[in-house]
């Protein structure tokens, strides 16, 4: 192989590696600017999402659940599971069988990223 072809191949490989490593492992939400997300209060915005999507009677994390982090029916349970929740929501793995709107997803991610306050 000529030097020119080797250099071209090497350049393409380096480009592919740079592009493939440019996303964080947070589901691509690194571009999310939480300063622009206003709906990130626990009581008004985040908890209703959990109660209607995750902890409903037909949901996976209702009272008594042993799925994943278990029941997600209270602030303390959700707060304690926030790292796993963030990963699952950012990657799109949760909620199973449905999806969150971009606004709902941003509310959860930004609430967690702001320290998951009980507000």
PDB file of N, CA and C in Angstrom:
ATOM      1  N   UNK A   1       0.860  -1.170   0.000  1.00  0.00           N
ATOM      2  CA  UNK A   1       0.000   0.000   0.000  1.00  0.00           C
ATOM      3  C   UNK A   1       0.898   1.222   0.000  1.00  0.00           C
ATOM      4  N   UNK A   2       0.527   2.193  -0.786  1.00  0.00           N
ATOM      5  CA  UNK A   2       1.349   3.392  -0.886  1.00  0.00           C
ATOM      6  C   UNK A   2       1.204   4.245   0.367  1.00  0.00           C
ATOM      7  N   UNK A   3       2.140   5.125   0.557  1.00  0.00           N
ATOM      8  CA  UNK A   3       2.136   6.022   1.712  1.00  0.00           C
ATOM      9  C   UNK A   3       0.887   6.916   1.671  1.00  0.00           C
ATOM     10  N   UNK A   4       0.515   7.351   0.488  1.00  0.00           N
ATOM     11  CA  UNK A   4      -0.654   8.210   0.331  1.00  0.00           C
ATOM     12  C   UNK A   4      -1.930   7.490   0.765  1.00  0.00           C
ATOM     13  N   UNK A   5      -2.092   6.243   0.341  1.00  0.00           N
ATOM     14  CA  UNK A   5      -3.274   5.476   0.715  1.00  0.00           C
ATOM     15  C   UNK A   5      -3.277   5.177   2.209  1.00  0.00           C
ATOM     16  N   UNK A   6      -2.100   4.881   2.762  1.00  0.00           N
ATOM     17  CA  UNK A   6      -1.997   4.618   4.201  1.00  0.00           C
ATOM     18  C   UNK A   6      -2.386   5.842   5.011  1.00  0.00           C
ATOM     19  N   UNK A   7      -1.913   7.011   4.566  1.00  0.00           N
ATOM     20  CA  UNK A   7      -2.234   8.245   5.265  1.00  0.00           C
ATOM     21  C   UNK A   7      -3.734   8.525   5.195  1.00  0.00           C
ATOM     22  N   UNK A   8      -4.345   8.306   4.044  1.00  0.00           N
ATOM     23  CA  UNK A   8      -5.778   8.521   3.881  1.00  0.00           C
ATOM     24  C   UNK A   8      -6.564   7.580   4.782  1.00  0.00           C
ATOM     25  N   UNK A   9      -6.178   6.319   4.788  1.00  0.00           N
ATOM     26  CA  UNK A   9      -6.854   5.338   5.633  1.00  0.00           C
ATOM     27  C   UNK A   9      -6.714   5.708   7.106  1.00  0.00           C
ATOM     28  N   UNK A  10      -5.531   6.105   7.514  1.00  0.00           N
ATOM     29  CA  UNK A  10      -5.293   6.508   8.899  1.00  0.00           C
ATOM     30  C   UNK A  10      -6.135   7.734   9.248  1.00  0.00           C
ATOM     31  N   UNK A  11      -6.215   8.687   8.334  1.00  0.00           N
ATOM     32  CA  UNK A  11      -7.010   9.894   8.566  1.00  0.00           C
ATOM     33  C   UNK A  11      -8.482   9.552   8.752  1.00  0.00           C
ATOM     34  N   UNK A  12      -8.990   8.657   7.931  1.00  0.00           N
ATOM     35  CA  UNK A  12     -10.389   8.249   8.040  1.00  0.00           C
ATOM     36  C   UNK A  12     -10.627   7.547   9.373  1.00  0.00           C
ATOM     37  N   UNK A  13      -9.736   6.667   9.775  1.00  0.00           N
ATOM     38  CA  UNK A  13      -9.883   5.958  11.050  1.00  0.00           C
ATOM     39  C   UNK A  13      -9.880   6.923  12.233  1.00  0.00           C
ATOM     40  N   UNK A  14      -8.988   7.894  12.211  1.00  0.00           N
ATOM     41  CA  UNK A  14      -8.915   8.877  13.289  1.00  0.00           C
ATOM     42  C   UNK A  14     -10.216   9.681  13.339  1.00  0.00           C
ATOM     43  N   UNK A  15     -10.718  10.094  12.176  1.00  0.00           N
ATOM     44  CA  UNK A  15     -11.975  10.837  12.126  1.00  0.00           C
ATOM     45  C   UNK A  15     -13.124  10.017  12.715  1.00  0.00           C
ATOM     46  N   UNK A  16     -13.214   8.752  12.317  1.00  0.00           N
ATOM     47  CA  UNK A  16     -14.284   7.881  12.818  1.00  0.00           C
ATOM     48  C   UNK A  16     -14.179   7.730  14.333  1.00  0.00           C
ATOM     49  N   UNK A  17     -12.992   7.546  14.838  1.00  0.00           N
ATOM     50  CA  UNK A  17     -12.817   7.420  16.289  1.00  0.00           C
ATOM     51  C   UNK A  17     -13.218   8.695  17.019  1.00  0.00           C
ATOM     52  N   UNK A  18     -12.832   9.827  16.482  1.00  0.00           N
ATOM     53  CA  UNK A  18     -13.196  11.095  17.120  1.00  0.00           C
ATOM     54  C   UNK A  18     -14.699  11.306  17.126  1.00  0.00           C
ATOM     55  N   UNK A  19     -15.349  11.020  16.036  1.00  0.00           N
ATOM     56  CA  UNK A  19     -16.793  11.196  15.954  1.00  0.00           C
ATOM     57  C   UNK A  19     -17.500  10.213  16.878  1.00  0.00           C
ATOM     58  N   UNK A  20     -17.053   8.965  16.897  1.00  0.00           N
ATOM     59  CA  UNK A  20     -17.727   7.966  17.722  1.00  0.00           C
ATOM     60  C   UNK A  20     -17.535   8.202  19.206  1.00  0.00           C
ATOM     61  N   UNK A  21     -16.494   8.890  19.587  1.00  0.00           N
ATOM     62  CA  UNK A  21     -16.242   9.160  21.010  1.00  0.00           C
ATOM     63  C   UNK A  21     -16.737  10.532  21.437  1.00  0.00           C
ATOM     64  N   UNK A  22     -17.421  11.243  20.567  1.00  0.00           N
ATOM     65  CA  UNK A  22     -17.803  12.604  20.896  1.00  0.00           C
ATOM     66  C   UNK A  22     -19.020  12.694  21.806  1.00  0.00           C
ATOM     67  N   UNK A  23     -19.778  11.620  21.964  1.00  0.00           N
ATOM     68  CA  UNK A  23     -20.950  11.648  22.847  1.00  0.00           C
ATOM     69  C   UNK A  23     -20.580  11.083  24.204  1.00  0.00           C
ATOM     70  N   UNK A  24     -21.169  11.689  25.228  1.00  0.00           N
ATOM     71  CA  UNK A  24     -21.011  11.158  26.577  1.00  0.00           C
ATOM     72  C   UNK A  24     -21.904   9.954  26.739  1.00  0.00           C
ATOM     73  N   UNK A  25     -21.756   9.231  27.835  1.00  0.00           N
ATOM     74  CA  UNK A  25     -22.597   8.070  28.112  1.00  0.00           C
ATOM     75  C   UNK A  25     -23.887   8.450  28.810  1.00  0.00           C
ATOM     76  N   UNK A  26     -24.396   9.620  28.535  1.00  0.00           N
ATOM     77  CA  UNK A  26     -25.633  10.049  29.177  1.00  0.00           C
ATOM     78  C   UNK A  26     -26.788  10.117  28.200  1.00  0.00           C
ATOM     79  N   UNK A  27     -26.737   9.295  27.168  1.00  0.00           N
ATOM     80  CA  UNK A  27     -27.832   9.262  26.212  1.00  0.00           C
ATOM     81  C   UNK A  27     -27.841  10.439  25.270  1.00  0.00           C
ATOM     82  N   UNK A  28     -26.709  11.135  25.162  1.00  0.00           N
ATOM     83  CA  UNK A  28     -26.638  12.251  24.236  1.00  0.00           C
ATOM     84  C   UNK A  28     -27.229  13.526  24.788  1.00  0.00           C
ATOM     85  N   UNK A  29     -27.497  13.588  26.075  1.00  0.00           N
ATOM     86  CA  UNK A  29     -28.119  14.774  26.626  1.00  0.00           C
ATOM     87  C   UNK A  29     -27.096  15.828  27.031  1.00  0.00           C
ATOM     88  N   UNK A  30     -25.823  15.646  26.666  1.00  0.00           N
ATOM     89  CA  UNK A  30     -24.797  16.593  27.065  1.00  0.00           C
ATOM     90  C   UNK A  30     -25.064  17.985  26.515  1.00  0.00           C
ATOM     91  N   UNK A  31     -25.851  18.106  25.445  1.00  0.00           N
ATOM     92  CA  UNK A  31     -26.181  19.403  24.880  1.00  0.00           C
ATOM     93  C   UNK A  31     -27.352  20.054  25.615  1.00  0.00           C
ATOM     94  N   UNK A  32     -27.931  19.363  26.552  1.00  0.00           N
ATOM     95  CA  UNK A  32     -29.065  19.883  27.305  1.00  0.00           C
ATOM     96  C   UNK A  32     -28.610  21.024  28.207  1.00  0.00           C
ATOM     97  N   UNK A  33     -29.216  22.182  28.035  1.00  0.00           N
ATOM     98  CA  UNK A  33     -28.906  23.345  28.867  1.00  0.00           C
ATOM     99  C   UNK A  33     -30.006  23.482  29.914  1.00  0.00           C
ATOM    100  N   UNK A  34     -29.718  23.029  31.112  1.00  0.00           N
ATOM    101  CA  UNK A  34     -30.728  23.034  32.178  1.00  0.00           C
ATOM    102  C   UNK A  34     -31.113  24.441  32.614  1.00  0.00           C
ATOM    103  N   UNK A  35     -30.320  25.436  32.239  1.00  0.00           N
ATOM    104  CA  UNK A  35     -30.696  26.814  32.554  1.00  0.00           C
ATOM    105  C   UNK A  35     -31.922  27.246  31.758  1.00  0.00           C
ATOM    106  N   UNK A  36     -32.197  26.573  30.665  1.00  0.00           N
ATOM    107  CA  UNK A  36     -33.354  26.919  29.847  1.00  0.00           C
ATOM    108  C   UNK A  36     -34.579  26.063  30.168  1.00  0.00           C
ATOM    109  N   UNK A  37     -34.406  25.062  31.006  1.00  0.00           N
ATOM    110  CA  UNK A  37     -35.520  24.180  31.386  1.00  0.00           C
ATOM    111  C   UNK A  37     -36.152  24.740  32.648  1.00  0.00           C
ATOM    112  N   UNK A  38     -37.403  25.160  32.543  1.00  0.00           N
ATOM    113  CA  UNK A  38     -38.065  25.786  33.689  1.00  0.00           C
ATOM    114  C   UNK A  38     -38.927  24.817  34.478  1.00  0.00           C
ATOM    115  N   UNK A  39     -39.291  23.686  33.878  1.00  0.00           N
ATOM    116  CA  UNK A  39     -40.189  22.732  34.536  1.00  0.00           C
ATOM    117  C   UNK A  39     -39.396  21.605  35.194  1.00  0.00           C
ATOM    118  N   UNK A  40     -38.649  21.960  36.250  1.00  0.00           N
ATOM    119  CA  UNK A  40     -37.817  20.966  36.930  1.00  0.00           C
ATOM    120  C   UNK A  40     -37.989  20.957  38.449  1.00  0.00           C
ATOM    121  N   UNK A  41     -39.153  21.372  38.915  1.00  0.00           N
ATOM    122  CA  UNK A  41     -39.457  21.299  40.350  1.00  0.00           C
ATOM    123  C   UNK A  41     -40.004  19.909  40.643  1.00  0.00           C
ATOM    124  N   UNK A  42     -39.596  19.330  41.754  1.00  0.00           N
ATOM    125  CA  UNK A  42     -40.022  17.968  42.068  1.00  0.00           C
ATOM    126  C   UNK A  42     -41.544  17.856  42.181  1.00  0.00           C
ATOM    127  N   UNK A  43     -42.154  18.626  43.071  1.00  0.00           N
ATOM    128  CA  UNK A  43     -43.588  18.474  43.340  1.00  0.00           C
ATOM    129  C   UNK A  43     -44.455  18.813  42.123  1.00  0.00           C
ATOM    130  N   UNK A  44     -44.128  19.866  41.428  1.00  0.00           N
ATOM    131  CA  UNK A  44     -44.983  20.326  40.325  1.00  0.00           C
ATOM    132  C   UNK A  44     -44.716  19.611  39.004  1.00  0.00           C
ATOM    133  N   UNK A  45     -43.479  19.206  38.765  1.00  0.00           N
ATOM    134  CA  UNK A  45     -43.120  18.707  37.438  1.00  0.00           C
ATOM    135  C   UNK A  45     -42.637  17.261  37.410  1.00  0.00           C
ATOM    136  N   UNK A  46     -41.700  16.929  38.257  1.00  0.00           N
ATOM    137  CA  UNK A  46     -41.043  15.617  38.197  1.00  0.00           C
ATOM    138  C   UNK A  46     -41.892  14.516  38.829  1.00  0.00           C
ATOM    139  N   UNK A  47     -42.378  14.737  40.037  1.00  0.00           N
ATOM    140  CA  UNK A  47     -43.164  13.695  40.707  1.00  0.00           C
ATOM    141  C   UNK A  47     -44.407  13.280  39.911  1.00  0.00           C
ATOM    142  N   UNK A  48     -45.147  14.214  39.312  1.00  0.00           N
ATOM    143  CA  UNK A  48     -46.293  13.774  38.507  1.00  0.00           C
ATOM    144  C   UNK A  48     -45.906  12.839  37.352  1.00  0.00           C
ATOM    145  N   UNK A  49     -44.737  13.038  36.783  1.00  0.00           N
ATOM    146  CA  UNK A  49     -44.272  12.137  35.714  1.00  0.00           C
ATOM    147  C   UNK A  49     -44.061  10.740  36.285  1.00  0.00           C
ATOM    148  N   UNK A  50     -43.404  10.668  37.436  1.00  0.00           N
ATOM    149  CA  UNK A  50     -43.157   9.368  38.061  1.00  0.00           C
ATOM    150  C   UNK A  50     -44.464   8.676  38.438  1.00  0.00           C
ATOM    151  N   UNK A  51     -45.370   9.431  39.030  1.00  0.00           N
ATOM    152  CA  UNK A  51     -46.608   8.811  39.504  1.00  0.00           C
ATOM    153  C   UNK A  51     -47.506   8.342  38.357  1.00  0.00           C
ATOM    154  N   UNK A  52     -47.492   9.046  37.246  1.00  0.00           N
ATOM    155  CA  UNK A  52     -48.351   8.643  36.125  1.00  0.00           C
ATOM    156  C   UNK A  52     -47.677   7.657  35.179  1.00  0.00           C
ATOM    157  N   UNK A  53     -46.357   7.643  35.145  1.00  0.00           N
ATOM    158  CA  UNK A  53     -45.646   6.803  34.184  1.00  0.00           C
ATOM    159  C   UNK A  53     -44.952   5.612  34.832  1.00  0.00           C
ATOM    160  N   UNK A  54     -44.368   5.813  35.985  1.00  0.00           N
ATOM    161  CA  UNK A  54     -43.524   4.783  36.592  1.00  0.00           C
ATOM    162  C   UNK A  54     -44.195   4.043  37.749  1.00  0.00           C
ATOM    163  N   UNK A  55     -44.942   4.765  38.556  1.00  0.00           N
ATOM    164  CA  UNK A  55     -45.472   4.189  39.792  1.00  0.00           C
ATOM    165  C   UNK A  55     -46.974   3.996  39.785  1.00  0.00           C
ATOM    166  N   UNK A  56     -47.594   4.056  38.615  1.00  0.00           N
ATOM    167  CA  UNK A  56     -49.034   3.828  38.550  1.00  0.00           C
ATOM    168  C   UNK A  56     -49.324   2.361  38.862  1.00  0.00           C
ATOM    169  N   UNK A  57     -50.569   2.032  39.089  1.00  0.00           N
ATOM    170  CA  UNK A  57     -50.932   0.653  39.421  1.00  0.00           C
ATOM    171  C   UNK A  57     -50.453  -0.346  38.375  1.00  0.00           C
ATOM    172  N   UNK A  58     -50.450   0.065  37.120  1.00  0.00           N
ATOM    173  CA  UNK A  58     -50.006  -0.840  36.068  1.00  0.00           C
ATOM    174  C   UNK A  58     -48.529  -0.646  35.723  1.00  0.00           C
ATOM    175  N   UNK A  59     -47.889   0.289  36.412  1.00  0.00           N
ATOM    176  CA  UNK A  59     -46.488   0.598  36.154  1.00  0.00           C
ATOM    177  C   UNK A  59     -45.543  -0.377  36.807  1.00  0.00           C
ATOM    178  N   UNK A  60     -44.293  -0.219  36.523  1.00  0.00           N
ATOM    179  CA  UNK A  60     -43.248  -1.128  37.016  1.00  0.00           C
ATOM    180  C   UNK A  60     -42.760  -0.787  38.416  1.00  0.00           C
ATOM    181  N   UNK A  61     -43.012   0.424  38.893  1.00  0.00           N
ATOM    182  CA  UNK A  61     -42.433   0.843  40.172  1.00  0.00           C
ATOM    183  C   UNK A  61     -43.499   1.307  41.160  1.00  0.00           C
ATOM    184  N   UNK A  62     -44.628   0.612  41.162  1.00  0.00           N
ATOM    185  CA  UNK A  62     -45.698   0.915  42.112  1.00  0.00           C
ATOM    186  C   UNK A  62     -45.297   0.437  43.510  1.00  0.00           C
ATOM    187  N   UNK A  63     -46.111   0.732  44.476  1.00  0.00           N
ATOM    188  CA  UNK A  63     -45.864   0.318  45.847  1.00  0.00           C
ATOM    189  C   UNK A  63     -45.632  -1.189  45.919  1.00  0.00           C
ATOM    190  N   UNK A  64     -44.573  -1.590  46.590  1.00  0.00           N
ATOM    191  CA  UNK A  64     -44.237  -2.999  46.737  1.00  0.00           C
ATOM    192  C   UNK A  64     -43.412  -3.576  45.598  1.00  0.00           C
ATOM    193  N   UNK A  65     -43.114  -2.785  44.598  1.00  0.00           N
ATOM    194  CA  UNK A  65     -42.351  -3.268  43.448  1.00  0.00           C
ATOM    195  C   UNK A  65     -40.929  -3.649  43.837  1.00  0.00           C
ATOM    196  N   UNK A  66     -40.423  -4.668  43.185  1.00  0.00           N
ATOM    197  CA  UNK A  66     -39.018  -5.062  43.357  1.00  0.00           C
ATOM    198  C   UNK A  66     -38.257  -4.894  42.048  1.00  0.00           C
ATOM    199  N   UNK A  67     -38.877  -4.271  41.054  1.00  0.00           N
ATOM    200  CA  UNK A  67     -38.199  -4.008  39.783  1.00  0.00           C
ATOM    201  C   UNK A  67     -37.139  -2.929  39.959  1.00  0.00           C
ATOM    202  N   UNK A  68     -35.958  -3.167  39.425  1.00  0.00           N
ATOM    203  CA  UNK A  68     -34.897  -2.158  39.471  1.00  0.00           C
ATOM    204  C   UNK A  68     -34.707  -1.605  40.855  1.00  0.00           C
ATOM    205  N   UNK A  69     -34.868  -0.276  40.995  1.00  0.00           N
ATOM    206  CA  UNK A  69     -34.695   0.334  42.321  1.00  0.00           C
ATOM    207  C   UNK A  69     -35.897   0.142  43.226  1.00  0.00           C
ATOM    208  N   UNK A  70     -36.922  -0.568  42.764  1.00  0.00           N
ATOM    209  CA  UNK A  70     -38.109  -0.822  43.574  1.00  0.00           C
ATOM    210  C   UNK A  70     -39.163   0.248  43.400  1.00  0.00           C
ATOM    211  N   UNK A  71     -39.946   0.431  44.415  1.00  0.00           N
ATOM    212  CA  UNK A  71     -41.038   1.389  44.405  1.00  0.00           C
ATOM    213  C   UNK A  71     -40.503   2.815  44.242  1.00  0.00           C
ATOM    214  N   UNK A  72     -41.153   3.573  43.350  1.00  0.00           N
ATOM    215  CA  UNK A  72     -40.775   4.980  43.161  1.00  0.00           C
ATOM    216  C   UNK A  72     -41.990   5.859  43.451  1.00  0.00           C
ATOM    217  N   UNK A  73     -42.532   5.701  44.645  1.00  0.00           N
ATOM    218  CA  UNK A  73     -43.758   6.397  45.017  1.00  0.00           C
ATOM    219  C   UNK A  73     -43.528   7.560  45.973  1.00  0.00           C
ATOM    220  N   UNK A  74     -42.304   7.795  46.397  1.00  0.00           N
ATOM    221  CA  UNK A  74     -42.032   8.886  47.332  1.00  0.00           C
ATOM    222  C   UNK A  74     -40.771   9.632  46.910  1.00  0.00           C
ATOM    223  N   UNK A  75     -40.649  10.858  47.428  1.00  0.00           N
ATOM    224  CA  UNK A  75     -39.449  11.641  47.138  1.00  0.00           C
ATOM    225  C   UNK A  75     -38.195  10.878  47.541  1.00  0.00           C
ATOM    226  N   UNK A  76     -38.159  10.314  48.746  1.00  0.00           N
ATOM    227  CA  UNK A  76     -36.929   9.654  49.222  1.00  0.00           C
ATOM    228  C   UNK A  76     -36.553   8.461  48.344  1.00  0.00           C
ATOM    229  N   UNK A  77     -37.538   7.695  47.887  1.00  0.00           N
ATOM    230  CA  UNK A  77     -37.244   6.548  47.020  1.00  0.00           C
ATOM    231  C   UNK A  77     -36.684   7.017  45.676  1.00  0.00           C
ATOM    232  N   UNK A  78     -37.293   8.052  45.123  1.00  0.00           N
ATOM    233  CA  UNK A  78     -36.833   8.581  43.842  1.00  0.00           C
ATOM    234  C   UNK A  78     -35.456   9.208  44.010  1.00  0.00           C
ATOM    235  N   UNK A  79     -35.252   9.981  45.071  1.00  0.00           N
ATOM    236  CA  UNK A  79     -33.958  10.606  45.338  1.00  0.00           C
ATOM    237  C   UNK A  79     -32.863   9.545  45.468  1.00  0.00           C
ATOM    238  N   UNK A  80     -33.139   8.495  46.224  1.00  0.00           N
ATOM    239  CA  UNK A  80     -32.133   7.448  46.433  1.00  0.00           C
ATOM    240  C   UNK A  80     -31.789   6.689  45.151  1.00  0.00           C
ATOM    241  N   UNK A  81     -32.706   6.665  44.206  1.00  0.00           N
ATOM    242  CA  UNK A  81     -32.486   5.944  42.943  1.00  0.00           C
ATOM    243  C   UNK A  81     -32.095   6.881  41.803  1.00  0.00           C
ATOM    244  N   UNK A  82     -31.805   8.137  42.111  1.00  0.00           N
ATOM    245  CA  UNK A  82     -31.617   9.153  41.079  1.00  0.00           C
ATOM    246  C   UNK A  82     -30.517   8.827  40.071  1.00  0.00           C
ATOM    247  N   UNK A  83     -29.440   8.206  40.484  1.00  0.00           N
ATOM    248  CA  UNK A  83     -28.362   7.882  39.547  1.00  0.00           C
ATOM    249  C   UNK A  83     -28.828   6.851  38.525  1.00  0.00           C
ATOM    250  N   UNK A  84     -29.482   5.799  38.997  1.00  0.00           N
ATOM    251  CA  UNK A  84     -30.000   4.776  38.083  1.00  0.00           C
ATOM    252  C   UNK A  84     -31.111   5.347  37.207  1.00  0.00           C
ATOM    253  N   UNK A  85     -31.945   6.199  37.785  1.00  0.00           N
ATOM    254  CA  UNK A  85     -33.029   6.817  37.027  1.00  0.00           C
ATOM    255  C   UNK A  85     -32.454   7.682  35.916  1.00  0.00           C
ATOM    256  N   UNK A  86     -31.452   8.483  36.240  1.00  0.00           N
ATOM    257  CA  UNK A  86     -30.868   9.375  35.239  1.00  0.00           C
ATOM    258  C   UNK A  86     -30.319   8.573  34.068  1.00  0.00           C
ATOM    259  N   UNK A  87     -29.597   7.528  34.378  1.00  0.00           N
ATOM    260  CA  UNK A  87     -29.020   6.690  33.330  1.00  0.00           C
ATOM    261  C   UNK A  87     -30.106   6.061  32.455  1.00  0.00           C
ATOM    262  N   UNK A  88     -31.141   5.518  33.085  1.00  0.00           N
ATOM    263  CA  UNK A  88     -32.210   4.843  32.344  1.00  0.00           C
ATOM    264  C   UNK A  88     -33.024   5.817  31.494  1.00  0.00           C
ATOM    265  N   UNK A  89     -33.298   6.993  32.031  1.00  0.00           N
ATOM    266  CA  UNK A  89     -34.075   7.981  31.285  1.00  0.00           C
ATOM    267  C   UNK A  89     -33.243   8.565  30.147  1.00  0.00           C
ATOM    268  N   UNK A  90     -31.989   8.913  30.421  1.00  0.00           N
ATOM    269  CA  UNK A  90     -31.128   9.502  29.385  1.00  0.00           C
ATOM    270  C   UNK A  90     -30.886   8.543  28.233  1.00  0.00           C
ATOM    271  N   UNK A  91     -30.758   7.266  28.545  1.00  0.00           N
ATOM    272  CA  UNK A  91     -30.489   6.278  27.497  1.00  0.00           C
ATOM    273  C   UNK A  91     -31.753   5.847  26.765  1.00  0.00           C
ATOM    274  N   UNK A  92     -32.920   6.200  27.309  1.00  0.00           N
ATOM    275  CA  UNK A  92     -34.181   5.814  26.691  1.00  0.00           C
ATOM    276  C   UNK A  92     -34.658   4.428  27.091  1.00  0.00           C
ATOM    277  N   UNK A  93     -33.964   3.796  28.043  1.00  0.00           N
ATOM    278  CA  UNK A  93     -34.375   2.464  28.489  1.00  0.00           C
ATOM    279  C   UNK A  93     -35.659   2.494  29.312  1.00  0.00           C
ATOM    280  N   UNK A  94     -35.919   3.611  29.949  1.00  0.00           N
ATOM    281  CA  UNK A  94     -37.117   3.738  30.767  1.00  0.00           C
ATOM    282  C   UNK A  94     -37.914   4.935  30.292  1.00  0.00           C
ATOM    283  N   UNK A  95     -39.164   4.903  30.392  1.00  0.00           N
ATOM    284  CA  UNK A  95     -39.982   3.806  30.893  1.00  0.00           C
ATOM    285  C   UNK A  95     -40.161   2.712  29.837  1.00  0.00           C
ATOM    286  N   UNK A  96     -40.214   1.483  30.307  1.00  0.00           N
ATOM    287  CA  UNK A  96     -40.429   0.361  29.402  1.00  0.00           C
ATOM    288  C   UNK A  96     -41.846   0.403  28.862  1.00  0.00           C
ATOM    289  N   UNK A  97     -41.980   0.068  27.603  1.00  0.00           N
ATOM    290  CA  UNK A  97     -43.299  -0.009  26.993  1.00  0.00           C
ATOM    291  C   UNK A  97     -43.912   1.320  26.608  1.00  0.00           C
ATOM    292  N   UNK A  98     -43.234   2.421  26.886  1.00  0.00           N
ATOM    293  CA  UNK A  98     -43.716   3.744  26.483  1.00  0.00           C
ATOM    294  C   UNK A  98     -42.508   4.669  26.384  1.00  0.00           C
ATOM    295  N   UNK A  99     -42.761   5.919  26.166  1.00  0.00           N
ATOM    296  CA  UNK A  99     -41.655   6.868  26.104  1.00  0.00           C
ATOM    297  C   UNK A  99     -42.069   8.173  26.763  1.00  0.00           C
ATOM    298  N   UNK A 100     -41.082   8.943  27.117  1.00  0.00           N
ATOM    299  CA  UNK A 100     -41.315  10.260  27.701  1.00  0.00           C
ATOM    300  C   UNK A 100     -41.189  11.302  26.598  1.00  0.00           C
ATOM    301  N   UNK A 101     -41.925  12.380  26.733  1.00  0.00           N
ATOM    302  CA  UNK A 101     -41.747  13.491  25.800  1.00  0.00           C
ATOM    303  C   UNK A 101     -40.388  14.130  26.091  1.00  0.00           C
ATOM    304  N   UNK A 102     -39.897  14.918  25.170  1.00  0.00           N
ATOM    305  CA  UNK A 102     -38.623  15.616  25.385  1.00  0.00           C
ATOM    306  C   UNK A 102     -38.708  16.505  26.619  1.00  0.00           C
ATOM    307  N   UNK A 103     -39.854  17.152  26.812  1.00  0.00           N
ATOM    308  CA  UNK A 103     -40.037  18.021  27.972  1.00  0.00           C
ATOM    309  C   UNK A 103     -39.991  17.227  29.281  1.00  0.00           C
ATOM    310  N   UNK A 104     -40.651  16.069  29.314  1.00  0.00           N
ATOM    311  CA  UNK A 104     -40.627  15.229  30.509  1.00  0.00           C
ATOM    312  C   UNK A 104     -39.213  14.727  30.799  1.00  0.00           C
ATOM    313  N   UNK A 105     -38.550  14.265  29.775  1.00  0.00           N
ATOM    314  CA  UNK A 105     -37.180  13.764  29.918  1.00  0.00           C
ATOM    315  C   UNK A 105     -36.266  14.875  30.440  1.00  0.00           C
ATOM    316  N   UNK A 106     -36.370  16.069  29.861  1.00  0.00           N
ATOM    317  CA  UNK A 106     -35.549  17.194  30.294  1.00  0.00           C
ATOM    318  C   UNK A 106     -35.851  17.583  31.738  1.00  0.00           C
ATOM    319  N   UNK A 107     -37.122  17.521  32.125  1.00  0.00           N
ATOM    320  CA  UNK A 107     -37.488  17.840  33.515  1.00  0.00           C
ATOM    321  C   UNK A 107     -36.779  16.912  34.485  1.00  0.00           C
ATOM    322  N   UNK A 108     -36.827  15.623  34.202  1.00  0.00           N
ATOM    323  CA  UNK A 108     -36.200  14.633  35.095  1.00  0.00           C
ATOM    324  C   UNK A 108     -34.689  14.815  35.108  1.00  0.00           C
ATOM    325  N   UNK A 109     -34.075  14.901  33.941  1.00  0.00           N
ATOM    326  CA  UNK A 109     -32.614  15.011  33.862  1.00  0.00           C
ATOM    327  C   UNK A 109     -32.117  16.283  34.541  1.00  0.00           C
ATOM    328  N   UNK A 110     -32.782  17.407  34.292  1.00  0.00           N
ATOM    329  CA  UNK A 110     -32.339  18.666  34.890  1.00  0.00           C
ATOM    330  C   UNK A 110     -32.604  18.723  36.382  1.00  0.00           C
ATOM    331  N   UNK A 111     -33.694  18.107  36.830  1.00  0.00           N
ATOM    332  CA  UNK A 111     -33.959  18.041  38.270  1.00  0.00           C
ATOM    333  C   UNK A 111     -32.841  17.268  38.956  1.00  0.00           C
ATOM    334  N   UNK A 112     -32.465  16.133  38.386  1.00  0.00           N
ATOM    335  CA  UNK A 112     -31.380  15.332  38.965  1.00  0.00           C
ATOM    336  C   UNK A 112     -30.062  16.092  38.894  1.00  0.00           C
ATOM    337  N   UNK A 113     -29.774  16.690  37.737  1.00  0.00           N
ATOM    338  CA  UNK A 113     -28.515  17.425  37.570  1.00  0.00           C
ATOM    339  C   UNK A 113     -28.403  18.637  38.490  1.00  0.00           C
ATOM    340  N   UNK A 114     -29.552  19.157  38.954  1.00  0.00           N
ATOM    341  CA  UNK A 114     -29.521  20.302  39.871  1.00  0.00           C
ATOM    342  C   UNK A 114     -29.480  19.851  41.328  1.00  0.00           C
ATOM    343  N   UNK A 115     -29.234  18.584  41.571  1.00  0.00           N
ATOM    344  CA  UNK A 115     -29.099  18.073  42.936  1.00  0.00           C
ATOM    345  C   UNK A 115     -30.330  17.378  43.465  1.00  0.00           C
ATOM    346  N   UNK A 116     -31.351  17.216  42.628  1.00  0.00           N
ATOM    347  CA  UNK A 116     -32.589  16.527  42.998  1.00  0.00           C
ATOM    348  C   UNK A 116     -33.221  17.090  44.274  1.00  0.00           C
ATOM    349  N   UNK A 117     -33.455  18.422  44.296  1.00  0.00           N
ATOM    350  CA  UNK A 117     -34.029  19.024  45.495  1.00  0.00           C
ATOM    351  C   UNK A 117     -35.487  18.631  45.722  1.00  0.00           C
ATOM    352  N   UNK A 118     -35.894  18.637  46.977  1.00  0.00           N
ATOM    353  CA  UNK A 118     -37.284  18.338  47.329  1.00  0.00           C
ATOM    354  C   UNK A 118     -38.046  19.662  47.320  1.00  0.00           C
ATOM    355  N   UNK A 119     -38.321  20.137  46.130  1.00  0.00           N
ATOM    356  CA  UNK A 119     -38.987  21.436  45.971  1.00  0.00           C
ATOM    357  C   UNK A 119     -40.323  21.298  45.276  1.00  0.00           C
TER     358      UNK A 119
END
